[in-house]
Amino acid sequence: MPAILARKCLWLAAVFLGITVISFTVIHLAPGSPTDLETTLNPMADLEAGKRLADFYGLDKPLPEQYWNWLKRLVRLDFGNSMSSDARPVMDKIAERLPLTLWLNGITLFLTLILAIPIGVIAARNRGGLFDKGTTLLVFIGFAMPGFWLSLLLVLHFSIELQWFPLSGLESLDHESLSPAGKLLDLARHLALPIFVSTFGSLAGYSRFIRSSILEVLRQEYILTARAKGLPERIVLFRHALRNALLPVITLLGLSLPGLIGGSVIIESIFSLPGMGQLFYTAVMARDYPLIMGCLVLGAGLTLVGNILADACYGLADPRIRGSLRPAGGS
């Protein structure tokens, strides 16, 4: 087991290094420069000012040298300072925005799973029935409806016309004067529409995926054996079939972790939520290289963590995988 974990860690470290190399190269090859806002768009700035800024930020050095300097700072968990006007440390900016995005997407993922699993199981159990057809229609609507369009419709109807929910932002103007319960309710009202849009979009894919996995598992011989023993259908579906059908879903969950950062760009921009998605979008538009790399490294780290968690969950869901991870001759 230690040798397997060591090889896994070495492989993940190599993958992480490759991701940083590709990301660093691509963002520097993109048109534009962080100094454009201060030079090209400033009629008072001359060519010499642009050179001084490039020297100040280290942009005049060869790209491999820039990457090496950045990598040395990364080892110390130092992403540098933002190239925006505030010049704040990248870690401080990420630390401010990350909790909201994690909470928003964590709640969305939780609601998606507790809804998608029973919907997928029941739809598979009643294949071709009214419930299955209704959820299929829901899936098609969820896949076909763009998130930004649904967000604008909800804002127009529930925020502007009915005024049930706030238009944007995270807090009302009188938030500080509210009681603790009132502050929590105010926060929930601001996040209700973004969470609904995110959950609705994810629910369609997950429920359909679980339905397909359940249908495949129900054809297996051990399911027929369980039914032949007279086990209740609820036990057959949720204890025997669902456990084995969750393996592909676990893979999907592991791959969805990076979406906690990049998947919120549209939602956070429409609802003006100060999260990581909005921060990443602003950094890209400003060509803020240190902040872009900080966000990308965080996404790469979540990707690798997702792979590790998926491997661990495979062992929990399937005892055969736990056995394959044991060293030869082990108990």
Protein backbone atom coordinates (compact mmCIF):
# COMPACT_ATOMS: atom_id res chain seq x y z
CA MET A 1 0.00 0.00 0.00
CA PRO A 2 2.76 2.60 0.79
CA ALA A 3 4.38 1.90 -2.59
CA ILE A 4 1.04 2.37 -4.38
CA LEU A 5 0.41 5.66 -2.57
CA ALA A 6 3.95 6.85 -3.32
CA ARG A 7 3.55 6.13 -7.04
CA LYS A 8 0.16 7.85 -6.99
CA CYS A 9 1.60 10.95 -5.34
CA LEU A 10 4.52 11.12 -7.79
CA TRP A 11 2.14 10.79 -10.72
CA LEU A 12 -0.14 13.54 -9.37
CA ALA A 13 2.86 15.82 -8.79
CA ALA A 14 3.97 15.33 -12.40
CA VAL A 15 0.46 16.02 -13.67
CA PHE A 16 0.23 19.15 -11.51
CA LEU A 17 3.55 20.41 -12.85
CA GLY A 18 2.42 19.80 -16.42
CA ILE A 19 -0.82 21.72 -15.81
CA THR A 20 1.08 24.73 -14.48
CA VAL A 21 3.48 24.72 -17.46
CA ILE A 22 0.64 24.62 -20.00
CA SER A 23 -1.45 27.21 -18.14
CA PHE A 24 1.48 29.61 -17.71
CA THR A 25 2.38 29.35 -21.39
CA VAL A 26 -1.17 29.77 -22.69
CA ILE A 27 -2.03 32.87 -20.67
CA HIS A 28 1.18 34.58 -21.79
CA LEU A 29 0.48 33.72 -25.44
CA ALA A 30 -2.97 35.32 -25.27
CA PRO A 31 -3.29 38.79 -26.89
CA GLY A 32 -2.88 41.75 -24.61
CA SER A 33 -0.69 42.57 -21.65
CA PRO A 34 -1.26 43.61 -18.02
CA THR A 35 0.38 46.93 -18.82
CA ASP A 36 -2.10 47.84 -21.58
CA LEU A 37 -4.53 49.54 -19.19
CA GLU A 38 -1.76 51.79 -17.89
CA THR A 39 0.01 52.50 -21.19
CA THR A 40 -1.98 51.86 -24.38
CA LEU A 41 -5.21 53.23 -22.95
CA ASN A 42 -3.45 56.15 -21.26
CA PRO A 43 -2.65 59.02 -23.66
CA MET A 44 -0.13 60.45 -21.18
CA ALA A 45 2.00 57.27 -21.12
CA ASP A 46 4.85 56.86 -23.58
CA LEU A 47 6.79 53.83 -24.80
CA GLU A 48 9.38 54.25 -22.07
CA ALA A 49 6.66 53.96 -19.41
CA GLY A 50 5.56 50.65 -20.89
CA LYS A 51 9.13 49.32 -20.73
CA ARG A 52 9.49 50.40 -17.11
CA LEU A 53 6.26 48.64 -16.19
CA ALA A 54 7.31 45.47 -18.01
CA ASP A 55 10.61 45.54 -16.13
CA PHE A 56 8.79 46.14 -12.81
CA TYR A 57 6.53 43.13 -13.32
CA GLY A 58 9.30 40.98 -14.80
CA LEU A 59 7.51 40.67 -18.15
CA ASP A 60 10.67 41.57 -20.09
CA LYS A 61 12.37 38.32 -19.07
CA PRO A 62 12.22 35.12 -21.18
CA LEU A 63 9.13 33.03 -20.56
CA PRO A 64 11.02 30.04 -19.05
CA GLU A 65 12.71 32.38 -16.56
CA GLN A 66 9.35 33.94 -15.65
CA TYR A 67 7.91 30.50 -15.05
CA TRP A 68 10.88 29.41 -12.94
CA ASN A 69 10.59 32.52 -10.76
CA TRP A 70 6.88 31.91 -10.36
CA LEU A 71 7.43 28.23 -9.51
CA LYS A 72 9.95 29.12 -6.80
CA ARG A 73 7.38 31.38 -5.18
CA LEU A 74 4.72 28.69 -5.52
CA VAL A 75 6.82 26.25 -3.47
CA ARG A 76 6.54 28.79 -0.64
CA LEU A 77 2.76 29.09 -1.33
CA ASP A 78 3.36 32.64 -2.54
CA PHE A 79 1.35 33.53 -5.65
CA GLY A 80 2.74 37.06 -5.71
CA ASN A 81 0.80 40.30 -5.86
CA SER A 82 -2.02 41.15 -8.19
CA MET A 83 -1.19 43.37 -11.16
CA SER A 84 -4.36 45.39 -10.65
CA SER A 85 -4.33 48.86 -9.16
CA ASP A 86 -4.62 47.63 -5.56
CA ALA A 87 -1.54 45.35 -5.90
CA ARG A 88 -2.84 43.12 -3.12
CA PRO A 89 -1.46 39.59 -2.53
CA VAL A 90 -3.21 37.01 -4.66
CA MET A 91 -3.73 34.72 -1.67
CA ASP A 92 -5.65 37.47 0.16
CA LYS A 93 -7.96 38.00 -2.81
CA ILE A 94 -8.62 34.27 -3.19
CA ALA A 95 -9.19 33.84 0.55
CA GLU A 96 -11.87 36.54 0.43
CA ARG A 97 -13.77 35.07 -2.50
CA LEU A 98 -13.30 31.31 -2.07
CA PRO A 99 -15.66 30.66 0.90
CA LEU A 100 -18.71 32.05 -0.90
CA THR A 101 -18.06 29.98 -4.02
CA LEU A 102 -17.46 26.80 -2.01
CA TRP A 103 -20.63 27.31 -0.01
CA LEU A 104 -22.67 28.12 -3.11
CA ASN A 105 -21.46 25.11 -5.08
CA GLY A 106 -21.40 22.82 -2.05
CA ILE A 107 -25.09 23.50 -1.34
CA THR A 108 -25.84 23.06 -5.04
CA LEU A 109 -24.06 19.71 -5.16
CA PHE A 110 -25.79 18.51 -2.00
CA LEU A 111 -29.25 19.43 -3.30
CA THR A 112 -28.45 17.90 -6.68
CA LEU A 113 -27.47 14.55 -5.18
CA ILE A 114 -30.38 14.22 -2.75
CA LEU A 115 -32.76 14.95 -5.62
CA ALA A 116 -31.01 13.20 -8.50
CA ILE A 117 -30.43 9.85 -6.79
CA PRO A 118 -34.08 9.05 -5.97
CA ILE A 119 -35.25 10.54 -9.28
CA GLY A 120 -32.80 8.39 -11.24
CA VAL A 121 -33.61 5.22 -9.27
CA ILE A 122 -37.38 5.62 -9.52
CA ALA A 123 -37.18 6.52 -13.21
CA ALA A 124 -35.12 3.38 -13.89
CA ARG A 125 -37.49 1.23 -11.83
CA ASN A 126 -40.50 2.54 -13.77
CA ARG A 127 -38.85 2.66 -17.18
CA GLY A 128 -41.27 3.92 -19.80
CA GLY A 129 -43.80 5.00 -17.18
CA LEU A 130 -45.28 8.41 -16.55
CA PHE A 131 -42.61 9.38 -14.01
CA ASP A 132 -39.82 8.32 -16.36
CA LYS A 133 -41.29 10.32 -19.23
CA GLY A 134 -41.77 13.37 -17.00
CA THR A 135 -38.18 13.29 -15.77
CA THR A 136 -36.96 12.77 -19.33
CA LEU A 137 -38.77 15.94 -20.33
CA LEU A 138 -37.19 17.70 -17.36
CA VAL A 139 -33.76 16.50 -18.48
CA PHE A 140 -34.26 17.82 -22.01
CA ILE A 141 -35.38 21.19 -20.65
CA GLY A 142 -32.44 21.32 -18.25
CA PHE A 143 -29.94 20.50 -21.00
CA ALA A 144 -31.47 22.86 -23.56
CA MET A 145 -31.98 25.88 -21.30
CA PRO A 146 -28.84 28.03 -20.95
CA GLY A 147 -28.06 29.00 -17.37
CA PHE A 148 -27.65 32.69 -18.13
CA TRP A 149 -31.03 32.81 -19.91
CA LEU A 150 -32.82 31.08 -17.03
CA SER A 151 -31.09 33.42 -14.58
CA LEU A 152 -32.30 36.51 -16.45
CA LEU A 153 -35.85 35.13 -16.62
CA LEU A 154 -35.91 34.46 -12.88
CA VAL A 155 -34.50 37.89 -12.10
CA LEU A 156 -37.08 39.56 -14.36
CA HIS A 157 -40.04 37.69 -12.88
CA PHE A 158 -39.18 37.07 -9.22
CA SER A 159 -36.90 40.03 -8.50
CA ILE A 160 -38.26 42.86 -10.66
CA GLU A 161 -41.94 42.04 -11.18
CA LEU A 162 -42.87 40.16 -7.99
CA GLN A 163 -39.97 41.51 -5.85
CA TRP A 164 -39.81 38.26 -3.87
CA PHE A 165 -36.03 38.03 -4.03
CA PRO A 166 -33.25 40.67 -4.14
CA LEU A 167 -32.02 41.69 -7.56
CA SER A 168 -28.31 41.08 -6.98
CA GLY A 169 -25.53 41.11 -4.45
CA LEU A 170 -25.09 39.20 -1.22
CA GLU A 171 -26.49 41.54 1.42
CA SER A 172 -29.26 44.10 1.68
CA LEU A 173 -28.54 47.71 2.63
CA ASP A 174 -29.90 47.17 6.14
CA HIS A 175 -28.09 43.85 6.63
CA GLU A 176 -25.99 45.03 9.59
CA SER A 177 -29.04 46.22 11.51
CA LEU A 178 -30.78 42.84 11.27
CA SER A 179 -30.83 40.16 13.95
CA PRO A 180 -28.73 36.99 13.48
CA ALA A 181 -31.80 35.15 12.20
CA GLY A 182 -32.65 38.09 9.96
CA LYS A 183 -29.12 38.15 8.53
CA LEU A 184 -29.34 34.43 7.77
CA LEU A 185 -32.72 34.90 6.08
CA ASP A 186 -31.38 37.86 4.10
CA LEU A 187 -28.42 35.77 2.90
CA ALA A 188 -30.74 32.89 1.97
CA ARG A 189 -32.97 35.22 -0.08
CA HIS A 190 -29.95 36.52 -2.00
CA LEU A 191 -28.66 33.00 -2.74
CA ALA A 192 -32.01 31.34 -3.51
CA LEU A 193 -32.09 32.13 -7.22
CA PRO A 194 -28.40 31.38 -7.93
CA ILE A 195 -28.65 28.05 -6.11
CA PHE A 196 -31.85 27.15 -7.97
CA VAL A 197 -30.28 27.89 -11.36
CA SER A 198 -27.16 25.87 -10.56
CA THR A 199 -29.14 22.96 -9.11
CA PHE A 200 -31.58 22.83 -12.00
CA GLY A 201 -28.77 22.67 -14.54
CA SER A 202 -26.90 19.95 -12.64
CA LEU A 203 -29.98 17.93 -11.72
CA ALA A 204 -30.76 17.05 -15.32
CA GLY A 205 -27.38 15.50 -16.02
CA TYR A 206 -26.94 13.64 -12.73
CA SER A 207 -30.45 12.15 -12.68
CA ARG A 208 -30.08 10.90 -16.24
CA PHE A 209 -26.66 9.49 -15.50
CA ILE A 210 -27.92 7.63 -12.42
CA ARG A 211 -30.91 6.30 -14.37
CA SER A 212 -28.65 4.84 -17.07
CA SER A 213 -26.34 3.26 -14.47
CA ILE A 214 -29.25 1.72 -12.58
CA LEU A 215 -30.74 0.27 -15.77
CA GLU A 216 -27.44 -1.39 -16.59
CA VAL A 217 -27.04 -2.81 -13.08
CA LEU A 218 -30.61 -4.15 -12.98
CA ARG A 219 -29.72 -6.52 -15.83
CA GLN A 220 -27.01 -8.23 -13.76
CA GLU A 221 -27.49 -11.75 -12.44
CA TYR A 222 -27.02 -10.89 -8.78
CA ILE A 223 -30.04 -8.56 -8.99
CA LEU A 224 -32.13 -11.45 -10.32
CA THR A 225 -30.81 -13.59 -7.48
CA ALA A 226 -31.71 -10.97 -4.89
CA ARG A 227 -35.23 -10.74 -6.27
CA ALA A 228 -35.51 -14.52 -6.38
CA LYS A 229 -34.70 -14.63 -2.66
CA GLY A 230 -37.78 -12.51 -2.05
CA LEU A 231 -36.00 -9.33 -0.96
CA PRO A 232 -38.18 -6.20 -1.00
CA GLU A 233 -37.79 -4.10 -4.12
CA ARG A 234 -36.64 -1.16 -2.01
CA ILE A 235 -33.73 -3.22 -0.65
CA VAL A 236 -32.85 -4.50 -4.12
CA LEU A 237 -32.80 -1.03 -5.62
CA PHE A 238 -31.18 1.09 -2.91
CA ARG A 239 -28.85 -1.43 -1.25
CA HIS A 240 -27.73 -3.72 -4.09
CA ALA A 241 -28.30 -1.89 -7.38
CA LEU A 242 -27.57 1.68 -6.30
CA ARG A 243 -24.29 0.86 -4.60
CA ASN A 244 -22.84 -0.64 -7.77
CA ALA A 245 -24.40 2.00 -9.99
CA LEU A 246 -22.65 4.76 -8.02
CA LEU A 247 -19.19 3.97 -9.42
CA PRO A 248 -19.66 6.03 -12.62
CA VAL A 249 -21.34 8.75 -10.56
CA ILE A 250 -18.32 8.90 -8.24
CA THR A 251 -16.13 9.53 -11.27
CA LEU A 252 -18.45 12.33 -12.33
CA LEU A 253 -18.33 13.85 -8.84
CA GLY A 254 -14.54 13.76 -8.80
CA LEU A 255 -14.39 15.56 -12.13
CA SER A 256 -16.93 18.14 -10.92
CA LEU A 257 -14.68 19.52 -8.16
CA PRO A 258 -12.79 21.92 -10.49
CA GLY A 259 -16.19 23.28 -11.50
CA LEU A 260 -16.49 24.67 -7.98
CA ILE A 261 -14.15 27.43 -9.14
CA GLY A 262 -14.72 27.92 -12.86
CA GLY A 263 -18.35 26.87 -13.09
CA SER A 264 -19.66 29.89 -11.21
CA VAL A 265 -18.48 32.60 -13.59
CA ILE A 266 -21.83 33.18 -15.32
CA ILE A 267 -24.01 32.81 -12.23
CA GLU A 268 -21.84 35.06 -10.08
CA SER A 269 -21.58 37.68 -12.83
CA ILE A 270 -25.35 37.84 -13.41
CA PHE A 271 -26.24 37.98 -9.71
CA SER A 272 -23.22 40.15 -8.79
CA LEU A 273 -21.93 37.68 -6.21
CA PRO A 274 -18.37 38.32 -4.96
CA GLY A 275 -17.07 34.81 -5.51
CA MET A 276 -14.21 33.07 -7.29
CA GLY A 277 -15.98 32.96 -10.64
CA GLN A 278 -16.34 36.72 -10.78
CA LEU A 279 -12.76 37.17 -9.55
CA PHE A 280 -11.40 34.85 -12.24
CA TYR A 281 -13.37 36.61 -14.97
CA THR A 282 -12.10 40.01 -13.84
CA ALA A 283 -8.52 38.71 -13.75
CA VAL A 284 -8.75 37.35 -17.30
CA MET A 285 -10.18 40.61 -18.64
CA ALA A 286 -7.38 42.59 -16.97
CA ARG A 287 -4.66 40.09 -17.98
CA ASP A 288 -3.72 39.84 -14.29
CA TYR A 289 -1.25 36.97 -14.70
CA PRO A 290 -0.53 36.23 -11.00
CA LEU A 291 -4.24 36.19 -10.13
CA ILE A 292 -5.09 34.03 -13.16
CA MET A 293 -2.40 31.53 -12.23
CA GLY A 294 -3.59 31.50 -8.63
CA CYS A 295 -7.10 30.58 -9.75
CA LEU A 296 -5.83 27.98 -12.22
CA VAL A 297 -3.55 26.37 -9.64
CA LEU A 298 -6.48 26.17 -7.25
CA GLY A 299 -8.57 24.50 -9.95
CA ALA A 300 -5.74 22.07 -10.76
CA GLY A 301 -5.40 21.23 -7.08
CA LEU A 302 -9.12 20.52 -6.83
CA THR A 303 -8.86 18.27 -9.90
CA LEU A 304 -6.16 16.17 -8.27
CA VAL A 305 -8.00 16.10 -4.94
CA GLY A 306 -11.10 14.97 -6.83
CA ASN A 307 -9.16 12.05 -8.34
CA ILE A 308 -7.87 11.00 -4.92
CA LEU A 309 -11.33 11.22 -3.34
CA ALA A 310 -12.82 9.29 -6.25
CA ASP A 311 -10.29 6.48 -5.74
CA ALA A 312 -11.10 6.37 -2.03
CA CYS A 313 -14.84 6.32 -2.70
CA TYR A 314 -14.40 3.50 -5.21
CA GLY A 315 -13.06 1.35 -2.39
CA LEU A 316 -15.98 2.27 -0.14
CA ALA A 317 -18.54 1.49 -2.82
CA ASP A 318 -16.98 -1.72 -4.18
CA PRO A 319 -15.11 -4.19 -1.90
CA ARG A 320 -13.43 -5.71 -4.96
CA ILE A 321 -11.56 -2.44 -5.54
CA ARG A 322 -10.47 -2.35 -1.89
CA GLY A 323 -9.04 -5.79 -2.34
CA SER A 324 -7.13 -4.83 -5.49
CA LEU A 325 -5.39 -2.01 -3.61
CA ARG A 326 -3.97 -4.34 -0.98
CA PRO A 327 -0.41 -5.58 -1.47
CA ALA A 328 0.07 -9.15 -2.63
CA GLY A 329 -0.15 -11.62 0.24
CA GLY A 330 -1.87 -9.06 2.50
CA SER A 331 -4.79 -9.97 4.69
